[in-house]
């Protein structure tokens, strides 16, 4: 009987040690390296005359961006709505990319920051900048619908 009691105590001690160690290890595993410091000033692009600001919630200066380019049976589609970023979609069949949500926004962000469309951008400038970004020299169909934060919009529908 004494042997059984010692074996049970050893088993319970080992289970306790393993359980406690597991809690410590899991508690130390975190994806965050450091808590965000919200006291730091934010640096960003601001263009008050056109009503766009990256830091004021207006994002890229527009609230809706829908792009569709078709060429040689392949397409590029970009769908961004400021009110529902989780619904964002980015498809680029030239590069075999199909993303949704935050992954799509990450891909779009680079293009939005490089192309920099605002409410004064002409149709020709928009087409030229976007085609240049994607490395295209021509298209079969080009559709763009942008609604800017100053209530202006840019609508392009061209077929060749």
C-alpha atoms as a PDB file:
ATOM      1  CA  UNK A   1       0.000   0.000   0.000  1.00  0.00           C
ATOM      2  CA  UNK A   2       2.842   2.356   0.742  1.00  0.00           C
ATOM      3  CA  UNK A   3       4.342   1.715  -2.705  1.00  0.00           C
ATOM      4  CA  UNK A   4       1.044   2.606  -4.449  1.00  0.00           C
ATOM      5  CA  UNK A   5       0.786   5.831  -2.509  1.00  0.00           C
ATOM      6  CA  UNK A   6       4.347   6.855  -3.407  1.00  0.00           C
ATOM      7  CA  UNK A   7       3.715   6.034  -7.089  1.00  0.00           C
ATOM      8  CA  UNK A   8       0.494   8.073  -7.072  1.00  0.00           C
ATOM      9  CA  UNK A   9       2.225  11.044  -5.446  1.00  0.00           C
ATOM     10  CA  UNK A  10       5.065  10.874  -7.987  1.00  0.00           C
ATOM     11  CA  UNK A  11       2.571  10.739 -10.839  1.00  0.00           C
ATOM     12  CA  UNK A  12       0.587  13.722  -9.495  1.00  0.00           C
ATOM     13  CA  UNK A  13       3.781  15.722  -8.959  1.00  0.00           C
ATOM     14  CA  UNK A  14       4.904  15.047 -12.545  1.00  0.00           C
ATOM     15  CA  UNK A  15       1.472  16.027 -13.946  1.00  0.00           C
ATOM     16  CA  UNK A  16       1.557  19.232 -11.882  1.00  0.00           C
ATOM     17  CA  UNK A  17       5.045  20.138 -13.101  1.00  0.00           C
ATOM     18  CA  UNK A  18       4.153  19.451 -16.752  1.00  0.00           C
ATOM     19  CA  UNK A  19       0.885  21.410 -16.437  1.00  0.00           C
ATOM     20  CA  UNK A  20       2.560  24.388 -14.763  1.00  0.00           C
ATOM     21  CA  UNK A  21       5.379  24.403 -17.335  1.00  0.00           C
ATOM     22  CA  UNK A  22       2.843  24.313 -20.164  1.00  0.00           C
ATOM     23  CA  UNK A  23       1.014  27.324 -18.742  1.00  0.00           C
ATOM     24  CA  UNK A  24       4.276  29.267 -18.463  1.00  0.00           C
ATOM     25  CA  UNK A  25       5.340  28.391 -22.006  1.00  0.00           C
ATOM     26  CA  UNK A  26       1.961  29.227 -23.551  1.00  0.00           C
ATOM     27  CA  UNK A  27       1.730  32.448 -21.554  1.00  0.00           C
ATOM     28  CA  UNK A  28       5.096  33.552 -22.910  1.00  0.00           C
ATOM     29  CA  UNK A  29       4.120  32.886 -26.530  1.00  0.00           C
ATOM     30  CA  UNK A  30       2.666  36.035 -27.991  1.00  0.00           C
ATOM     31  CA  UNK A  31       2.600  37.369 -31.533  1.00  0.00           C
ATOM     32  CA  UNK A  32       3.130  40.920 -30.289  1.00  0.00           C
ATOM     33  CA  UNK A  33       6.690  41.981 -29.673  1.00  0.00           C
ATOM     34  CA  UNK A  34       5.814  45.200 -27.931  1.00  0.00           C
ATOM     35  CA  UNK A  35       2.678  47.062 -26.932  1.00  0.00           C
ATOM     36  CA  UNK A  36       1.854  49.932 -29.291  1.00  0.00           C
ATOM     37  CA  UNK A  37       2.929  53.371 -28.163  1.00  0.00           C
ATOM     38  CA  UNK A  38       0.010  55.638 -28.979  1.00  0.00           C
ATOM     39  CA  UNK A  39       1.825  58.706 -27.665  1.00  0.00           C
ATOM     40  CA  UNK A  40       4.084  58.916 -30.727  1.00  0.00           C
ATOM     41  CA  UNK A  41       3.011  61.520 -33.295  1.00  0.00           C
ATOM     42  CA  UNK A  42       1.652  60.046 -36.504  1.00  0.00           C
ATOM     43  CA  UNK A  43       3.310  61.052 -39.754  1.00  0.00           C
ATOM     44  CA  UNK A  44       1.354  60.848 -42.982  1.00  0.00           C
ATOM     45  CA  UNK A  45       0.231  62.466 -46.205  1.00  0.00           C
ATOM     46  CA  UNK A  46      -2.340  65.203 -45.915  1.00  0.00           C
ATOM     47  CA  UNK A  47      -3.976  67.295 -48.610  1.00  0.00           C
ATOM     48  CA  UNK A  48      -6.610  69.458 -46.948  1.00  0.00           C
ATOM     49  CA  UNK A  49      -7.707  71.237 -50.129  1.00  0.00           C
ATOM     50  CA  UNK A  50      -8.839  67.988 -51.712  1.00  0.00           C
ATOM     51  CA  UNK A  51     -10.335  66.564 -48.523  1.00  0.00           C
ATOM     52  CA  UNK A  52      -7.977  63.627 -48.322  1.00  0.00           C
ATOM     53  CA  UNK A  53      -5.820  62.505 -45.478  1.00  0.00           C
ATOM     54  CA  UNK A  54      -4.300  59.187 -44.567  1.00  0.00           C
ATOM     55  CA  UNK A  55      -4.592  59.923 -40.857  1.00  0.00           C
ATOM     56  CA  UNK A  56      -8.118  61.293 -40.537  1.00  0.00           C
ATOM     57  CA  UNK A  57     -10.027  58.156 -41.436  1.00  0.00           C
ATOM     58  CA  UNK A  58     -10.415  59.245 -45.039  1.00  0.00           C
ATOM     59  CA  UNK A  59      -7.619  56.825 -45.892  1.00  0.00           C
ATOM     60  CA  UNK A  60      -6.546  57.290 -49.475  1.00  0.00           C
ATOM     61  CA  UNK A  61      -8.747  60.269 -50.331  1.00  0.00           C
ATOM     62  CA  UNK A  62     -11.542  58.069 -51.618  1.00  0.00           C
ATOM     63  CA  UNK A  63     -14.231  55.902 -50.076  1.00  0.00           C
ATOM     64  CA  UNK A  64     -14.761  53.489 -52.962  1.00  0.00           C
ATOM     65  CA  UNK A  65     -12.349  52.178 -55.601  1.00  0.00           C
ATOM     66  CA  UNK A  66     -13.398  49.625 -58.205  1.00  0.00           C
ATOM     67  CA  UNK A  67     -10.975  48.748 -60.996  1.00  0.00           C
ATOM     68  CA  UNK A  68     -11.221  46.148 -63.727  1.00  0.00           C
ATOM     69  CA  UNK A  69      -8.629  45.746 -66.482  1.00  0.00           C
ATOM     70  CA  UNK A  70      -8.893  43.000 -69.087  1.00  0.00           C
ATOM     71  CA  UNK A  71      -6.221  42.124 -71.619  1.00  0.00           C
ATOM     72  CA  UNK A  72      -5.615  38.969 -73.647  1.00  0.00           C
ATOM     73  CA  UNK A  73      -8.133  36.932 -71.630  1.00  0.00           C
ATOM     74  CA  UNK A  74      -6.610  37.868 -68.255  1.00  0.00           C
ATOM     75  CA  UNK A  75      -7.884  40.384 -65.740  1.00  0.00           C
ATOM     76  CA  UNK A  76      -6.968  42.594 -62.825  1.00  0.00           C
ATOM     77  CA  UNK A  77      -9.717  43.457 -60.356  1.00  0.00           C
ATOM     78  CA  UNK A  78      -9.433  45.741 -57.354  1.00  0.00           C
ATOM     79  CA  UNK A  79     -12.440  46.303 -55.081  1.00  0.00           C
ATOM     80  CA  UNK A  80     -12.022  48.552 -52.040  1.00  0.00           C
ATOM     81  CA  UNK A  81     -14.681  50.154 -49.857  1.00  0.00           C
ATOM     82  CA  UNK A  82     -13.577  52.318 -46.943  1.00  0.00           C
ATOM     83  CA  UNK A  83     -16.628  51.358 -44.891  1.00  0.00           C
ATOM     84  CA  UNK A  84     -16.038  47.599 -45.300  1.00  0.00           C
ATOM     85  CA  UNK A  85     -12.313  46.906 -45.670  1.00  0.00           C
ATOM     86  CA  UNK A  86     -12.933  43.257 -44.788  1.00  0.00           C
ATOM     87  CA  UNK A  87     -14.806  42.906 -48.109  1.00  0.00           C
ATOM     88  CA  UNK A  88     -11.797  44.060 -50.146  1.00  0.00           C
ATOM     89  CA  UNK A  89     -10.774  41.897 -53.099  1.00  0.00           C
ATOM     90  CA  UNK A  90      -7.649  41.921 -55.240  1.00  0.00           C
ATOM     91  CA  UNK A  91      -7.251  39.675 -58.277  1.00  0.00           C
ATOM     92  CA  UNK A  92      -4.315  39.862 -60.670  1.00  0.00           C
ATOM     93  CA  UNK A  93      -4.353  36.981 -63.127  1.00  0.00           C
ATOM     94  CA  UNK A  94      -1.129  38.226 -64.730  1.00  0.00           C
ATOM     95  CA  UNK A  95       0.702  37.470 -61.469  1.00  0.00           C
ATOM     96  CA  UNK A  96      -1.641  34.699 -60.242  1.00  0.00           C
ATOM     97  CA  UNK A  97      -2.797  36.681 -57.206  1.00  0.00           C
ATOM     98  CA  UNK A  98      -6.200  36.298 -55.549  1.00  0.00           C
ATOM     99  CA  UNK A  99      -6.537  37.951 -52.139  1.00  0.00           C
ATOM    100  CA  UNK A 100      -9.354  39.085 -49.879  1.00  0.00           C
ATOM    101  CA  UNK A 101      -9.723  41.216 -46.763  1.00  0.00           C
ATOM    102  CA  UNK A 102      -6.582  42.545 -45.091  1.00  0.00           C
ATOM    103  CA  UNK A 103      -4.275  40.647 -47.451  1.00  0.00           C
ATOM    104  CA  UNK A 104      -5.984  42.368 -50.381  1.00  0.00           C
ATOM    105  CA  UNK A 105      -5.676  45.775 -48.724  1.00  0.00           C
ATOM    106  CA  UNK A 106      -1.956  45.199 -48.125  1.00  0.00           C
ATOM    107  CA  UNK A 107      -1.498  44.602 -51.855  1.00  0.00           C
ATOM    108  CA  UNK A 108      -3.711  47.559 -52.802  1.00  0.00           C
ATOM    109  CA  UNK A 109      -1.975  49.935 -50.409  1.00  0.00           C
ATOM    110  CA  UNK A 110       1.246  49.931 -52.431  1.00  0.00           C
ATOM    111  CA  UNK A 111      -0.630  50.765 -55.618  1.00  0.00           C
ATOM    112  CA  UNK A 112      -2.796  53.432 -53.973  1.00  0.00           C
ATOM    113  CA  UNK A 113       0.280  55.171 -52.520  1.00  0.00           C
ATOM    114  CA  UNK A 114       2.207  55.057 -55.808  1.00  0.00           C
ATOM    115  CA  UNK A 115      -0.602  55.965 -58.202  1.00  0.00           C
ATOM    116  CA  UNK A 116      -2.026  58.716 -55.917  1.00  0.00           C
ATOM    117  CA  UNK A 117      -5.364  59.464 -57.539  1.00  0.00           C
ATOM    118  CA  UNK A 118      -7.249  62.505 -56.293  1.00  0.00           C
ATOM    119  CA  UNK A 119     -10.414  64.296 -57.376  1.00  0.00           C
ATOM    120  CA  UNK A 120      -8.433  66.456 -59.838  1.00  0.00           C
ATOM    121  CA  UNK A 121      -6.915  63.461 -61.661  1.00  0.00           C
ATOM    122  CA  UNK A 122      -8.077  63.254 -65.279  1.00  0.00           C
ATOM    123  CA  UNK A 123      -9.250  60.043 -66.923  1.00  0.00           C
ATOM    124  CA  UNK A 124      -6.122  59.954 -69.078  1.00  0.00           C
ATOM    125  CA  UNK A 125      -3.815  60.440 -66.076  1.00  0.00           C
ATOM    126  CA  UNK A 126      -5.602  57.721 -64.106  1.00  0.00           C
ATOM    127  CA  UNK A 127      -5.364  55.212 -66.965  1.00  0.00           C
ATOM    128  CA  UNK A 128      -1.705  56.047 -67.596  1.00  0.00           C
ATOM    129  CA  UNK A 129      -0.679  55.780 -63.918  1.00  0.00           C
ATOM    130  CA  UNK A 130      -2.551  52.537 -63.302  1.00  0.00           C
ATOM    131  CA  UNK A 131      -1.301  50.847 -66.475  1.00  0.00           C
ATOM    132  CA  UNK A 132       2.248  51.921 -65.617  1.00  0.00           C
ATOM    133  CA  UNK A 133       1.892  50.478 -62.099  1.00  0.00           C
ATOM    134  CA  UNK A 134       0.818  47.108 -63.476  1.00  0.00           C
ATOM    135  CA  UNK A 135       3.396  47.143 -66.263  1.00  0.00           C
ATOM    136  CA  UNK A 136       0.783  47.110 -69.018  1.00  0.00           C
ATOM    137  CA  UNK A 137       1.106  49.106 -72.219  1.00  0.00           C
ATOM    138  CA  UNK A 138      -2.448  48.532 -73.424  1.00  0.00           C
ATOM    139  CA  UNK A 139      -5.790  46.952 -72.489  1.00  0.00           C
ATOM    140  CA  UNK A 140      -8.886  45.404 -74.047  1.00  0.00           C
ATOM    141  CA  UNK A 141     -11.231  46.795 -71.371  1.00  0.00           C
ATOM    142  CA  UNK A 142     -10.580  49.371 -68.653  1.00  0.00           C
ATOM    143  CA  UNK A 143     -13.199  50.212 -66.029  1.00  0.00           C
ATOM    144  CA  UNK A 144     -12.597  52.434 -63.029  1.00  0.00           C
ATOM    145  CA  UNK A 145     -15.074  53.846 -60.530  1.00  0.00           C
ATOM    146  CA  UNK A 146     -13.673  56.031 -57.753  1.00  0.00           C
ATOM    147  CA  UNK A 147     -15.736  57.964 -55.202  1.00  0.00           C
ATOM    148  CA  UNK A 148     -13.628  60.619 -53.496  1.00  0.00           C
ATOM    149  CA  UNK A 149     -14.069  61.976 -49.982  1.00  0.00           C
ATOM    150  CA  UNK A 150     -15.005  65.410 -51.388  1.00  0.00           C
ATOM    151  CA  UNK A 151     -18.083  63.829 -53.055  1.00  0.00           C
ATOM    152  CA  UNK A 152     -16.559  63.948 -56.537  1.00  0.00           C
ATOM    153  CA  UNK A 153     -16.146  60.793 -58.587  1.00  0.00           C
ATOM    154  CA  UNK A 154     -14.176  59.408 -61.512  1.00  0.00           C
ATOM    155  CA  UNK A 155     -15.896  56.954 -63.845  1.00  0.00           C
ATOM    156  CA  UNK A 156     -14.077  55.361 -66.766  1.00  0.00           C
ATOM    157  CA  UNK A 157     -15.415  52.654 -69.089  1.00  0.00           C
ATOM    158  CA  UNK A 158     -13.314  52.058 -72.178  1.00  0.00           C
ATOM    159  CA  UNK A 159     -13.088  49.157 -74.598  1.00  0.00           C
ATOM    160  CA  UNK A 160     -10.707  48.748 -77.494  1.00  0.00           C
END
